[in-house]
């Protein structure tokens, strides 16, 4: 019977694929947060513009 020498110095393809999958999931969740933040920022900006224009016209909200 032959003895196989085990070389455990490197990483396997499966470990690389799993780590890339985890990094991708984390990136997608952060990207979703950035999109929500941009939408909220745009809504706040339009509210500020409306508030500013109503103050210039002497109107109260």
N, C-alpha and C. Protein backbone atom coordinates (compact mmCIF):
# COMPACT_ATOMS: atom_id res chain seq x y z
N UNK A 1 0.84 -1.17 0.00
CA UNK A 1 0.00 0.00 0.00
C UNK A 1 0.89 1.24 0.00
N UNK A 2 0.54 2.20 -0.85
CA UNK A 2 1.33 3.42 -0.96
C UNK A 2 0.92 4.40 0.13
N UNK A 3 1.90 5.13 0.61
CA UNK A 3 1.61 6.19 1.57
C UNK A 3 1.53 7.51 0.80
N UNK A 4 0.46 8.23 1.04
CA UNK A 4 0.28 9.52 0.38
C UNK A 4 0.81 10.61 1.31
N UNK A 5 1.57 11.51 0.73
CA UNK A 5 2.08 12.64 1.49
C UNK A 5 1.03 13.75 1.42
N UNK A 6 0.61 14.21 2.57
CA UNK A 6 -0.39 15.26 2.62
C UNK A 6 0.30 16.61 2.69
N UNK A 7 -0.02 17.44 1.75
CA UNK A 7 0.54 18.79 1.72
C UNK A 7 -0.57 19.74 2.13
N UNK A 8 -0.49 20.28 3.32
CA UNK A 8 -1.52 21.18 3.84
C UNK A 8 -1.03 22.62 3.89
N UNK A 9 -0.10 22.97 3.02
CA UNK A 9 0.45 24.32 3.04
C UNK A 9 -0.42 25.33 2.30
N UNK A 10 -1.22 24.90 1.33
CA UNK A 10 -2.02 25.82 0.53
C UNK A 10 -3.48 25.77 0.90
N UNK A 11 -4.28 26.50 0.11
CA UNK A 11 -5.72 26.50 0.33
C UNK A 11 -6.38 25.84 -0.88
N UNK A 12 -7.52 25.26 -0.67
CA UNK A 12 -8.21 24.55 -1.74
C UNK A 12 -9.11 25.49 -2.52
N UNK A 13 -9.53 25.04 -3.68
CA UNK A 13 -10.44 25.83 -4.51
C UNK A 13 -11.77 26.04 -3.80
N UNK A 14 -12.22 25.04 -3.08
CA UNK A 14 -13.48 25.17 -2.34
C UNK A 14 -13.39 26.28 -1.29
N UNK A 15 -12.28 26.38 -0.59
CA UNK A 15 -12.12 27.44 0.41
C UNK A 15 -12.11 28.82 -0.25
N UNK A 16 -11.50 28.93 -1.41
CA UNK A 16 -11.48 30.20 -2.13
C UNK A 16 -12.89 30.59 -2.58
N UNK A 17 -13.63 29.64 -3.11
CA UNK A 17 -14.99 29.92 -3.58
C UNK A 17 -15.89 30.31 -2.42
N UNK A 18 -15.79 29.63 -1.31
CA UNK A 18 -16.62 29.96 -0.15
C UNK A 18 -16.27 31.35 0.40
N UNK A 19 -14.99 31.67 0.45
CA UNK A 19 -14.61 32.99 0.95
C UNK A 19 -15.08 34.09 0.01
N UNK A 20 -15.01 33.86 -1.31
CA UNK A 20 -15.52 34.84 -2.27
C UNK A 20 -17.03 35.00 -2.14
N UNK A 21 -17.73 33.92 -1.89
CA UNK A 21 -19.17 33.98 -1.69
C UNK A 21 -19.52 34.82 -0.46
N UNK A 22 -18.81 34.62 0.61
CA UNK A 22 -19.06 35.38 1.84
C UNK A 22 -18.76 36.86 1.62
N UNK A 23 -17.66 37.16 0.95
CA UNK A 23 -17.31 38.56 0.66
C UNK A 23 -18.35 39.20 -0.24
N UNK A 24 -18.87 38.45 -1.21
CA UNK A 24 -19.89 38.98 -2.11
C UNK A 24 -21.19 39.27 -1.36
N UNK A 25 -21.58 38.40 -0.47
CA UNK A 25 -22.80 38.63 0.32
C UNK A 25 -22.65 39.88 1.19
N UNK A 26 -21.50 40.05 1.80
CA UNK A 26 -21.25 41.24 2.62
C UNK A 26 -21.28 42.50 1.76
N UNK A 27 -20.65 42.45 0.59
CA UNK A 27 -20.61 43.60 -0.31
C UNK A 27 -22.01 43.98 -0.78
N UNK A 28 -22.82 42.99 -1.12
CA UNK A 28 -24.19 43.27 -1.58
C UNK A 28 -25.02 43.91 -0.47
N UNK A 29 -24.83 43.46 0.77
CA UNK A 29 -25.60 44.07 1.86
C UNK A 29 -25.17 45.51 2.10
N UNK A 30 -23.87 45.80 2.00
CA UNK A 30 -23.42 47.18 2.15
C UNK A 30 -23.88 48.04 0.98
N UNK A 31 -23.90 47.48 -0.22
CA UNK A 31 -24.36 48.22 -1.38
C UNK A 31 -25.84 48.59 -1.22
N UNK A 32 -26.63 47.68 -0.66
CA UNK A 32 -28.04 47.97 -0.41
C UNK A 32 -28.21 49.10 0.59
N UNK A 33 -27.35 49.13 1.59
CA UNK A 33 -27.42 50.22 2.57
C UNK A 33 -27.08 51.56 1.92
N UNK A 34 -26.10 51.57 1.01
CA UNK A 34 -25.72 52.81 0.34
C UNK A 34 -26.85 53.31 -0.57
N UNK A 35 -27.54 52.41 -1.22
CA UNK A 35 -28.66 52.80 -2.08
C UNK A 35 -29.77 53.40 -1.23
N UNK A 36 -30.09 52.77 -0.10
CA UNK A 36 -31.13 53.31 0.79
C UNK A 36 -30.72 54.68 1.32
N UNK A 37 -29.45 54.83 1.65
CA UNK A 37 -28.96 56.11 2.17
C UNK A 37 -29.09 57.20 1.12
N UNK A 38 -28.77 56.88 -0.12
CA UNK A 38 -28.90 57.87 -1.20
C UNK A 38 -30.35 58.27 -1.40
N UNK A 39 -31.26 57.31 -1.36
CA UNK A 39 -32.68 57.63 -1.51
C UNK A 39 -33.16 58.52 -0.38
N UNK A 40 -32.75 58.20 0.84
CA UNK A 40 -33.16 59.02 2.00
C UNK A 40 -32.57 60.42 1.90
N UNK A 41 -31.34 60.51 1.41
CA UNK A 41 -30.70 61.81 1.27
C UNK A 41 -31.40 62.64 0.20
N UNK A 42 -31.80 62.04 -0.89
CA UNK A 42 -32.52 62.77 -1.93
C UNK A 42 -33.87 63.25 -1.42
N UNK A 43 -34.56 62.41 -0.64
CA UNK A 43 -35.86 62.83 -0.08
C UNK A 43 -35.69 63.98 0.90
N UNK A 44 -34.64 63.94 1.69
CA UNK A 44 -34.39 65.03 2.64
C UNK A 44 -34.05 66.32 1.90
N UNK A 45 -33.33 66.19 0.79
CA UNK A 45 -32.97 67.37 0.00
C UNK A 45 -34.19 68.02 -0.62
N UNK A 46 -35.12 67.23 -1.13
CA UNK A 46 -36.32 67.79 -1.73
C UNK A 46 -37.20 68.42 -0.65
N UNK A 47 -37.22 67.84 0.53
CA UNK A 47 -37.98 68.44 1.63
C UNK A 47 -37.38 69.79 2.02
N UNK A 48 -36.04 69.86 2.05
CA UNK A 48 -35.38 71.12 2.39
C UNK A 48 -35.65 72.18 1.33
N UNK A 49 -35.68 71.78 0.06
CA UNK A 49 -35.98 72.74 -1.01
C UNK A 49 -37.41 73.26 -0.89
N UNK A 50 -38.33 72.37 -0.60
CA UNK A 50 -39.73 72.78 -0.44
C UNK A 50 -39.89 73.70 0.76
N UNK A 51 -39.20 73.39 1.83
CA UNK A 51 -39.26 74.22 3.02
C UNK A 51 -38.67 75.60 2.74
N UNK A 52 -37.58 75.63 2.02
CA UNK A 52 -36.93 76.89 1.69
C UNK A 52 -37.81 77.76 0.80
N UNK A 53 -38.42 77.16 -0.21
CA UNK A 53 -39.26 77.94 -1.12
C UNK A 53 -40.53 78.43 -0.41
N UNK A 54 -41.06 77.65 0.52
CA UNK A 54 -42.26 78.11 1.23
C UNK A 54 -41.91 79.25 2.18
N UNK A 55 -40.69 79.25 2.74
CA UNK A 55 -40.28 80.35 3.60
C UNK A 55 -40.06 81.61 2.80
N UNK A 56 -39.56 81.50 1.58
CA UNK A 56 -39.36 82.68 0.75
C UNK A 56 -40.68 83.31 0.34
N UNK A 57 -41.70 82.51 0.18
CA UNK A 57 -43.00 83.02 -0.22
C UNK A 57 -43.83 83.51 0.96
N UNK A 58 -43.30 83.32 2.17
CA UNK A 58 -44.03 83.76 3.36
C UNK A 58 -45.08 82.78 3.81
N UNK A 59 -45.05 81.59 3.28
CA UNK A 59 -46.02 80.57 3.67
C UNK A 59 -45.52 79.79 4.88
N UNK A 60 -46.46 79.29 5.65
CA UNK A 60 -46.10 78.41 6.76
C UNK A 60 -46.55 77.01 6.43
N UNK A 61 -45.79 76.06 6.91
CA UNK A 61 -46.15 74.66 6.68
C UNK A 61 -47.15 74.18 7.69
